[in-house]
Amino acid sequence: SYVPALIARHTDEWLWVARTVRLGTQSRFRLDAVRLTLPVSDDKRRDAHLATASIFKQFEAWIREHPEQWQWWNIRPTPATSVRREAATAETRHRVSG
């Protein structure tokens, strides 16, 4: 989403991105923050898209620096999950209505 960059561009505020880095095996962390330079032109929407690209570029650099510290999931519901969710919703509606 380019909304954070669009808000920063619209309000003429700074845009910061941050990460934490685990230090060793203990519960010690370092916080890193980077202030991004926002492009400024007559087209705020285009500026926001360019700023969003720089956000992704920064995160890509961080992930490449410490890939073992990053984890994400792309979980998509399976048909069975959707059927169970619909059944639970129908049961809840039945209890509420009557």
N, C-alpha and C. Protein backbone atom coordinates (compact mmCIF):
# COMPACT_ATOMS: atom_id res chain seq x y z
N SER A 1 0.83 -1.18 0.00
CA SER A 1 0.00 0.00 0.00
C SER A 1 0.88 1.25 0.00
N TYR A 2 0.51 2.19 -0.79
CA TYR A 2 1.29 3.42 -0.87
C TYR A 2 0.73 4.51 0.04
N VAL A 3 -0.26 4.18 0.87
CA VAL A 3 -0.93 5.18 1.70
C VAL A 3 0.02 5.89 2.67
N PRO A 4 0.89 5.18 3.41
CA PRO A 4 1.80 5.91 4.30
C PRO A 4 2.65 6.96 3.57
N ALA A 5 3.15 6.59 2.41
CA ALA A 5 3.96 7.53 1.63
C ALA A 5 3.10 8.67 1.11
N LEU A 6 1.86 8.38 0.73
CA LEU A 6 0.96 9.43 0.25
C LEU A 6 0.64 10.43 1.37
N ILE A 7 0.39 9.91 2.58
CA ILE A 7 0.13 10.80 3.71
C ILE A 7 1.35 11.65 4.02
N ALA A 8 2.52 11.04 4.04
CA ALA A 8 3.75 11.79 4.32
C ALA A 8 3.97 12.86 3.25
N ARG A 9 3.72 12.53 2.02
CA ARG A 9 3.90 13.50 0.92
C ARG A 9 2.88 14.62 1.01
N HIS A 10 1.64 14.25 1.32
CA HIS A 10 0.56 15.24 1.38
C HIS A 10 0.76 16.22 2.54
N THR A 11 1.27 15.72 3.66
CA THR A 11 1.47 16.57 4.85
C THR A 11 2.86 17.17 4.91
N ASP A 12 3.70 16.82 3.93
CA ASP A 12 5.08 17.31 3.88
C ASP A 12 5.85 16.94 5.15
N GLU A 13 5.61 15.71 5.62
CA GLU A 13 6.30 15.19 6.81
C GLU A 13 7.36 14.18 6.39
N TRP A 14 8.22 13.86 7.34
CA TRP A 14 9.26 12.86 7.10
C TRP A 14 8.64 11.47 7.07
N LEU A 15 9.31 10.58 6.37
CA LEU A 15 8.90 9.19 6.31
C LEU A 15 10.04 8.34 6.84
N TRP A 16 9.76 7.58 7.89
CA TRP A 16 10.76 6.74 8.53
C TRP A 16 10.36 5.28 8.38
N VAL A 17 11.34 4.41 8.21
CA VAL A 17 11.14 2.97 8.29
C VAL A 17 12.09 2.45 9.35
N ALA A 18 11.66 1.39 10.03
CA ALA A 18 12.47 0.88 11.14
C ALA A 18 12.43 -0.64 11.17
N ARG A 19 13.43 -1.18 11.83
CA ARG A 19 13.50 -2.63 12.05
C ARG A 19 14.17 -2.88 13.37
N THR A 20 14.00 -4.07 13.90
CA THR A 20 14.78 -4.51 15.05
C THR A 20 15.65 -5.67 14.60
N VAL A 21 16.85 -5.72 15.15
CA VAL A 21 17.80 -6.79 14.83
C VAL A 21 18.11 -7.51 16.13
N ARG A 22 17.90 -8.82 16.14
CA ARG A 22 18.22 -9.62 17.32
C ARG A 22 19.74 -9.74 17.43
N LEU A 23 20.26 -9.48 18.63
CA LEU A 23 21.70 -9.55 18.87
C LEU A 23 22.02 -10.83 19.62
N GLY A 24 22.69 -11.75 18.96
CA GLY A 24 23.04 -13.01 19.59
C GLY A 24 21.83 -13.89 19.81
N THR A 25 21.91 -14.74 20.85
CA THR A 25 20.81 -15.67 21.13
C THR A 25 19.98 -15.22 22.32
N GLN A 26 20.39 -14.16 22.96
CA GLN A 26 19.64 -13.64 24.11
C GLN A 26 18.53 -12.70 23.61
N SER A 27 17.75 -12.23 24.54
CA SER A 27 16.66 -11.30 24.18
C SER A 27 17.18 -9.87 24.18
N ARG A 28 18.13 -9.63 23.29
CA ARG A 28 18.69 -8.28 23.12
C ARG A 28 18.47 -7.88 21.67
N PHE A 29 18.03 -6.65 21.49
CA PHE A 29 17.71 -6.17 20.15
C PHE A 29 18.29 -4.78 19.94
N ARG A 30 18.54 -4.48 18.70
CA ARG A 30 18.95 -3.14 18.30
C ARG A 30 17.87 -2.60 17.37
N LEU A 31 17.53 -1.35 17.55
CA LEU A 31 16.55 -0.71 16.70
C LEU A 31 17.28 0.16 15.68
N ASP A 32 16.99 -0.06 14.42
CA ASP A 32 17.54 0.76 13.34
C ASP A 32 16.40 1.51 12.68
N ALA A 33 16.60 2.78 12.43
CA ALA A 33 15.60 3.58 11.72
C ALA A 33 16.29 4.37 10.63
N VAL A 34 15.61 4.51 9.51
CA VAL A 34 16.15 5.23 8.37
C VAL A 34 15.10 6.25 7.93
N ARG A 35 15.53 7.47 7.76
CA ARG A 35 14.64 8.51 7.22
C ARG A 35 14.78 8.50 5.71
N LEU A 36 13.67 8.35 5.04
CA LEU A 36 13.67 8.31 3.58
C LEU A 36 13.44 9.70 3.01
N THR A 37 14.07 9.95 1.91
CA THR A 37 13.88 11.21 1.21
C THR A 37 12.68 11.06 0.30
N LEU A 38 11.71 11.94 0.47
CA LEU A 38 10.50 11.89 -0.36
C LEU A 38 10.71 12.68 -1.65
N PRO A 39 10.35 12.09 -2.77
CA PRO A 39 10.39 12.86 -4.01
C PRO A 39 9.31 13.94 -3.97
N VAL A 40 9.61 15.07 -4.54
CA VAL A 40 8.66 16.18 -4.55
C VAL A 40 8.51 16.69 -5.99
N SER A 41 7.29 16.58 -6.49
CA SER A 41 6.96 17.10 -7.82
C SER A 41 5.53 17.61 -7.77
N ASP A 42 4.99 17.92 -8.91
CA ASP A 42 3.60 18.37 -8.98
C ASP A 42 2.61 17.21 -8.87
N ASP A 43 3.11 15.99 -8.98
CA ASP A 43 2.25 14.80 -8.96
C ASP A 43 2.46 14.05 -7.64
N LYS A 44 1.63 14.35 -6.64
CA LYS A 44 1.80 13.73 -5.31
C LYS A 44 1.61 12.23 -5.35
N ARG A 45 0.68 11.75 -6.16
CA ARG A 45 0.43 10.31 -6.23
C ARG A 45 1.66 9.59 -6.79
N ARG A 46 2.26 10.13 -7.83
CA ARG A 46 3.48 9.52 -8.39
C ARG A 46 4.60 9.58 -7.36
N ASP A 47 4.73 10.69 -6.66
CA ASP A 47 5.74 10.82 -5.60
C ASP A 47 5.54 9.74 -4.54
N ALA A 48 4.29 9.49 -4.18
CA ALA A 48 4.00 8.47 -3.17
C ALA A 48 4.38 7.08 -3.67
N HIS A 49 4.11 6.80 -4.93
CA HIS A 49 4.50 5.49 -5.48
C HIS A 49 6.02 5.34 -5.50
N LEU A 50 6.74 6.40 -5.85
CA LEU A 50 8.21 6.34 -5.84
C LEU A 50 8.74 6.17 -4.41
N ALA A 51 8.12 6.85 -3.45
CA ALA A 51 8.53 6.71 -2.05
C ALA A 51 8.26 5.30 -1.56
N THR A 52 7.13 4.72 -1.96
CA THR A 52 6.82 3.34 -1.57
C THR A 52 7.85 2.38 -2.14
N ALA A 53 8.28 2.63 -3.35
CA ALA A 53 9.34 1.79 -3.94
C ALA A 53 10.61 1.89 -3.11
N SER A 54 10.92 3.07 -2.59
CA SER A 54 12.13 3.20 -1.76
C SER A 54 11.96 2.49 -0.42
N ILE A 55 10.73 2.44 0.11
CA ILE A 55 10.47 1.67 1.34
C ILE A 55 10.78 0.21 1.08
N PHE A 56 10.24 -0.33 -0.01
CA PHE A 56 10.48 -1.74 -0.33
C PHE A 56 11.95 -2.01 -0.60
N LYS A 57 12.64 -1.07 -1.22
CA LYS A 57 14.08 -1.23 -1.48
C LYS A 57 14.85 -1.31 -0.17
N GLN A 58 14.47 -0.47 0.81
CA GLN A 58 15.14 -0.49 2.11
C GLN A 58 14.90 -1.82 2.82
N PHE A 59 13.65 -2.28 2.84
CA PHE A 59 13.35 -3.56 3.48
C PHE A 59 14.05 -4.71 2.77
N GLU A 60 14.12 -4.66 1.46
CA GLU A 60 14.84 -5.71 0.72
C GLU A 60 16.31 -5.75 1.14
N ALA A 61 16.93 -4.59 1.30
CA ALA A 61 18.33 -4.54 1.73
C ALA A 61 18.47 -5.13 3.13
N TRP A 62 17.56 -4.78 4.03
CA TRP A 62 17.61 -5.33 5.39
C TRP A 62 17.42 -6.84 5.40
N ILE A 63 16.49 -7.32 4.60
CA ILE A 63 16.24 -8.77 4.55
C ILE A 63 17.47 -9.49 4.01
N ARG A 64 18.10 -8.94 3.01
CA ARG A 64 19.31 -9.57 2.46
C ARG A 64 20.46 -9.54 3.47
N GLU A 65 20.49 -8.53 4.32
CA GLU A 65 21.54 -8.42 5.33
C GLU A 65 21.40 -9.49 6.42
N HIS A 66 20.17 -9.75 6.87
CA HIS A 66 19.91 -10.75 7.91
C HIS A 66 18.69 -11.60 7.53
N PRO A 67 18.80 -12.44 6.50
CA PRO A 67 17.61 -13.19 6.06
C PRO A 67 17.09 -14.15 7.13
N GLU A 68 17.95 -14.60 8.02
CA GLU A 68 17.52 -15.54 9.06
C GLU A 68 16.59 -14.89 10.08
N GLN A 69 16.51 -13.58 10.10
CA GLN A 69 15.69 -12.88 11.08
C GLN A 69 14.33 -12.47 10.53
N TRP A 70 14.01 -12.90 9.33
CA TRP A 70 12.75 -12.50 8.71
C TRP A 70 11.90 -13.74 8.47
N GLN A 71 10.61 -13.58 8.70
CA GLN A 71 9.68 -14.67 8.47
C GLN A 71 8.34 -14.07 8.06
N TRP A 72 7.72 -14.66 7.09
CA TRP A 72 6.40 -14.21 6.69
C TRP A 72 5.66 -15.39 6.09
N TRP A 73 4.36 -15.25 6.05
CA TRP A 73 3.50 -16.30 5.51
C TRP A 73 2.58 -15.70 4.48
N ASN A 74 2.30 -16.50 3.48
CA ASN A 74 1.24 -16.19 2.54
C ASN A 74 0.20 -17.28 2.71
N ILE A 75 -0.66 -17.10 3.67
CA ILE A 75 -1.67 -18.12 3.97
C ILE A 75 -2.94 -17.78 3.22
N ARG A 76 -3.36 -18.72 2.41
CA ARG A 76 -4.61 -18.55 1.68
C ARG A 76 -5.57 -19.61 2.18
N PRO A 77 -6.82 -19.22 2.36
CA PRO A 77 -7.78 -20.22 2.85
C PRO A 77 -7.99 -21.33 1.82
N THR A 78 -8.05 -22.53 2.31
CA THR A 78 -8.35 -23.67 1.45
C THR A 78 -9.87 -23.81 1.38
N PRO A 79 -10.39 -24.56 0.44
CA PRO A 79 -11.85 -24.75 0.40
C PRO A 79 -12.39 -25.31 1.71
N ALA A 80 -11.65 -26.22 2.35
CA ALA A 80 -12.13 -26.80 3.61
C ALA A 80 -12.19 -25.74 4.70
N THR A 81 -11.21 -24.84 4.75
CA THR A 81 -11.20 -23.76 5.73
C THR A 81 -12.40 -22.85 5.51
N SER A 82 -12.68 -22.53 4.26
CA SER A 82 -13.82 -21.66 3.95
C SER A 82 -15.13 -22.30 4.34
N VAL A 83 -15.28 -23.59 4.11
CA VAL A 83 -16.51 -24.30 4.47
C VAL A 83 -16.70 -24.29 5.98
N ARG A 84 -15.62 -24.55 6.75
CA ARG A 84 -15.72 -24.53 8.22
C ARG A 84 -16.09 -23.13 8.71
N ARG A 85 -15.49 -22.10 8.11
CA ARG A 85 -15.79 -20.73 8.52
C ARG A 85 -17.25 -20.39 8.25
N GLU A 86 -17.76 -20.79 7.08
CA GLU A 86 -19.16 -20.53 6.74
C GLU A 86 -20.10 -21.27 7.68
N ALA A 87 -19.75 -22.50 8.03
CA ALA A 87 -20.59 -23.28 8.95
C ALA A 87 -20.61 -22.63 10.33
N ALA A 88 -19.46 -22.17 10.81
CA ALA A 88 -19.40 -21.52 12.12
C ALA A 88 -20.20 -20.22 12.11
N THR A 89 -20.13 -19.49 11.03
CA THR A 89 -20.89 -18.24 10.91
C THR A 89 -22.38 -18.53 10.92
N ALA A 90 -22.81 -19.55 10.18
CA ALA A 90 -24.23 -19.91 10.14
C ALA A 90 -24.71 -20.36 11.51
N GLU A 91 -23.90 -21.13 12.22
CA GLU A 91 -24.27 -21.60 13.57
C GLU A 91 -24.42 -20.41 14.52
N THR A 92 -23.51 -19.47 14.45
CA THR A 92 -23.58 -18.29 15.31
C THR A 92 -24.84 -17.49 15.00
N ARG A 93 -25.16 -17.30 13.74
CA ARG A 93 -26.37 -16.57 13.35
C ARG A 93 -27.61 -17.26 13.88
N HIS A 94 -27.62 -18.60 13.80
CA HIS A 94 -28.77 -19.38 14.27
C HIS A 94 -28.95 -19.19 15.78
N ARG A 95 -27.85 -19.23 16.54
CA ARG A 95 -27.94 -19.05 18.00
C ARG A 95 -28.43 -17.65 18.35
N VAL A 96 -27.96 -16.65 17.62
CA VAL A 96 -28.34 -15.27 17.93
C VAL A 96 -29.81 -15.03 17.58
N SER A 97 -30.25 -15.57 16.45
CA SER A 97 -31.62 -15.28 16.00
C SER A 97 -32.66 -16.16 16.68
N GLY A 98 -32.22 -17.20 17.30
CA GLY A 98 -33.31 -17.90 17.81
C GLY A 98 -33.30 -19.01 18.65
